[in-house]
Amino acid sequence: MERTNQEALKKRIGVLLIVLSFAFYGILLLVPFAPFSAGRKAILFSVLVILGEASFWIASLILGKELITKSKNIFRRERLKDILKMRRGLGK
C-alpha cells in the first residue's frame, strides 16, 4: 500500500510539473506587455524559459518511460490518421 501511494504521488508531481512548464511558457506571452524596462523583461523572459524547461525535464525524469511512450504515440502516423478521420466524421 505504501508503495502505490508513493507511485501515485510521484505521478501527480510529474503531471503538475508538466502543467507548470506549460504555464511558464504561457506567461511568456504576457512579458512584452509588462510595465518593466527592456532589461528586466529580458531577465524575466530568461527565467521563465529556464523554469519551463527545468520543470518539464524534471517531470520527464519522474514519469520516465511512461511519458516518453505516450508522447511518441501521439505523433505516430496511424494515430494522426485516426484523429483526422474522427474530425471529418464530426463535420458531417
Foldseek 3Di string as FASTA:
>chain_A
DVVVVVLVVLLVLLVVLQVLLVVLVVCLVCLVVDPDDPVVSVVSNVVSNVSSVVSNVVSCVSVDPVVVVVVVVCPDPVNVVVVVVVVVVVVD
